[in-house]
Amino acid sequence: MTSPVVWQDAFDRATAAATALGLNVKDALAQDLDQTTGSWVNFEVASASSGRLGVGEIVDEETGQIWLHLMVRRGTGAIDAITQRKALSVAFRAPVAPLPAGLFYDEQGFDPPDADQTGNWVRFSLMVDYRYQDIVLPAS
C-alpha cells in the first residue's frame, strides 16, 4: 500500500525539480495522450512493506521506493541525462520544503539505461528509498 501523503509529497518534489529543468513529470498510471517530443519523467511508487512497529503499537511504518524514470531521446548523449537525473536526486537529498511528519527519504540508486533497449527513447532511472510512519488509531 502506498500512503497518499508519500505519493503526493514525492510527486510534488519531483515536479518542482523537473520544472526547473524544463521537464514534465507524468503519473505512470495516468493515460498519456500527448505526442511527446522532448524528454520527460515517468513517476512511480513501489511500496515494499507496511506494518505495525511492534505488538500493540499504534504507529504503522511503510517502506518503499520512489521511481523517477527520465526518458531521453536516443542519440542525444548521456551527459545531459546524467546531469538532469542528478538534479532530480537532489530534490530528495536536500529538500527545499519541510517533509510531512513521519516521512523520511533515505538512500538512492541509479539504474543505467539498457544498451539493448529498442525504440527512440532511453530510460535513466532514479530510485529513492523512503520510510513513512503514521499513527493508526483503532476503530471505535
Protein backbone atom coordinates (compact mmCIF):
# COMPACT_ATOMS: atom_id res chain seq x y z
CA MET A 1 0.00 0.00 0.00
CA THR A 2 1.27 3.46 -0.80
CA SER A 3 0.11 6.22 1.51
CA PRO A 4 -1.32 9.27 -0.26
CA VAL A 5 0.99 11.52 1.82
CA VAL A 6 4.07 9.75 0.40
CA TRP A 7 2.83 9.78 -3.18
CA GLN A 8 1.84 13.46 -3.15
CA ASP A 9 5.00 14.72 -1.44
CA ALA A 10 7.29 12.79 -3.78
CA PHE A 11 5.30 13.83 -6.86
CA ASP A 12 5.43 17.49 -5.80
CA ARG A 13 9.20 17.35 -5.17
CA ALA A 14 9.85 15.61 -8.48
CA THR A 15 7.63 18.09 -10.33
CA ALA A 16 9.38 21.11 -8.79
CA ALA A 17 12.83 19.75 -9.70
CA ALA A 18 11.75 18.70 -13.19
CA THR A 19 10.05 22.02 -13.95
CA ALA A 20 13.33 23.82 -13.26
CA LEU A 21 14.88 21.54 -15.91
CA GLY A 22 12.09 22.15 -18.43
CA LEU A 23 10.73 18.60 -17.98
CA ASN A 24 7.21 17.32 -17.33
CA VAL A 25 6.52 14.67 -14.68
CA LYS A 26 3.86 12.15 -15.63
CA ASP A 27 1.98 9.79 -13.37
CA ALA A 28 2.82 6.36 -14.79
CA LEU A 29 -0.75 5.21 -14.15
CA ALA A 30 -2.45 8.15 -15.85
CA GLN A 31 -3.28 7.71 -19.50
CA ASP A 32 -0.93 9.80 -21.62
CA LEU A 33 -2.43 11.04 -24.86
CA ASP A 34 0.37 13.53 -25.56
CA GLN A 35 2.67 13.09 -28.51
CA THR A 36 5.83 13.79 -26.54
CA THR A 37 8.79 15.13 -28.50
CA GLY A 38 11.09 16.11 -25.62
CA SER A 39 12.41 14.35 -22.54
CA TRP A 40 10.06 13.69 -19.62
CA VAL A 41 9.93 11.88 -16.27
CA ASN A 42 7.65 8.92 -15.52
CA PHE A 43 6.79 8.81 -11.80
CA GLU A 44 6.04 5.61 -9.86
CA VAL A 45 5.94 4.50 -6.22
CA ALA A 46 6.67 0.90 -5.21
CA SER A 47 5.71 0.12 -1.63
CA ALA A 48 7.75 -2.72 -0.18
CA SER A 49 6.07 -3.30 3.17
CA SER A 50 3.69 -1.84 5.67
CA GLY A 51 3.08 -2.93 9.23
CA ARG A 52 2.98 -2.05 12.89
CA LEU A 53 6.31 -1.27 14.53
CA GLY A 54 5.51 -3.67 17.37
CA VAL A 55 2.75 -5.54 19.13
CA GLY A 56 0.19 -3.07 20.47
CA GLU A 57 1.85 -0.13 18.72
CA ILE A 58 -0.36 2.42 17.05
CA VAL A 59 2.48 3.50 14.76
CA ASP A 60 2.50 1.92 11.31
CA GLU A 61 5.65 2.05 9.16
CA GLU A 62 5.56 1.83 5.39
CA THR A 63 8.72 1.41 3.34
CA GLY A 64 9.26 1.50 -0.38
CA GLN A 65 10.82 3.27 -3.32
CA ILE A 66 10.05 6.33 -5.38
CA TRP A 67 10.98 5.70 -9.03
CA LEU A 68 11.71 8.54 -11.43
CA HIS A 69 12.30 7.29 -14.97
CA LEU A 70 13.90 10.04 -17.05
CA MET A 71 13.01 9.31 -20.67
CA VAL A 72 15.58 10.71 -23.10
CA ARG A 73 15.57 10.59 -26.90
CA ARG A 74 18.12 8.12 -28.23
CA GLY A 75 21.15 9.74 -29.83
CA THR A 76 21.36 12.80 -27.55
CA GLY A 77 24.24 11.51 -25.41
CA ALA A 78 24.43 10.57 -21.74
CA ILE A 79 25.88 13.65 -20.02
CA ASP A 80 22.69 15.76 -20.22
CA ALA A 81 20.59 12.86 -18.93
CA ILE A 82 23.01 12.19 -16.07
CA THR A 83 23.01 15.90 -15.16
CA GLN A 84 19.21 16.02 -15.15
CA ARG A 85 18.93 12.82 -13.10
CA LYS A 86 21.37 14.28 -10.57
CA ALA A 87 19.18 17.39 -10.22
CA LEU A 88 16.14 15.18 -9.60
CA SER A 89 18.15 13.29 -6.97
CA VAL A 90 18.99 16.47 -5.09
CA ALA A 91 15.27 17.22 -4.63
CA PHE A 92 15.13 14.21 -2.28
CA ARG A 93 18.52 14.69 -0.58
CA ALA A 94 18.31 18.41 0.17
CA PRO A 95 14.58 19.16 0.29
CA VAL A 96 13.71 22.84 -0.03
CA ALA A 97 10.34 22.30 1.68
CA PRO A 98 9.78 20.55 5.02
CA LEU A 99 8.92 16.88 4.88
CA PRO A 100 5.50 15.77 6.10
CA ALA A 101 5.58 14.40 9.66
CA GLY A 102 6.87 10.84 9.69
CA LEU A 103 8.28 10.82 6.12
CA PHE A 104 11.97 10.12 5.55
CA TYR A 105 13.84 9.81 2.25
CA ASP A 106 16.84 7.53 2.61
CA GLU A 107 19.29 6.03 0.14
CA GLN A 108 19.15 6.32 -3.63
CA GLY A 109 20.00 4.08 -6.55
CA PHE A 110 20.66 4.86 -10.18
CA ASP A 111 19.63 2.37 -12.85
CA PRO A 112 21.65 2.71 -16.05
CA PRO A 113 19.96 2.58 -19.44
CA ASP A 114 19.71 -0.78 -21.18
CA ALA A 115 22.04 -0.75 -24.21
CA ASP A 116 19.84 -3.41 -25.84
CA GLN A 117 16.66 -1.35 -25.44
CA THR A 118 14.97 -0.69 -28.77
CA GLY A 119 12.98 2.34 -29.83
CA ASN A 120 13.55 6.08 -29.84
CA TRP A 121 13.66 6.58 -26.05
CA VAL A 122 16.20 5.56 -23.41
CA ARG A 123 15.36 5.29 -19.69
CA PHE A 124 17.66 6.71 -16.98
CA SER A 125 16.10 5.75 -13.62
CA LEU A 126 16.48 7.14 -10.12
CA MET A 127 15.22 5.14 -7.12
CA VAL A 128 14.71 6.85 -3.76
CA ASP A 129 14.10 4.67 -0.68
CA TYR A 130 11.55 6.04 1.77
CA ARG A 131 10.10 5.31 5.20
CA TYR A 132 6.78 6.68 6.36
CA GLN A 133 5.48 6.35 9.89
CA ASP A 134 1.94 7.31 10.78
CA ILE A 135 -0.43 6.64 13.63
CA VAL A 136 -3.17 4.07 13.10
CA LEU A 137 -5.95 4.61 15.61
CA PRO A 138 -8.16 1.63 16.48
CA ALA A 139 -11.67 1.66 15.05
CA SER A 140 -14.25 2.76 17.58
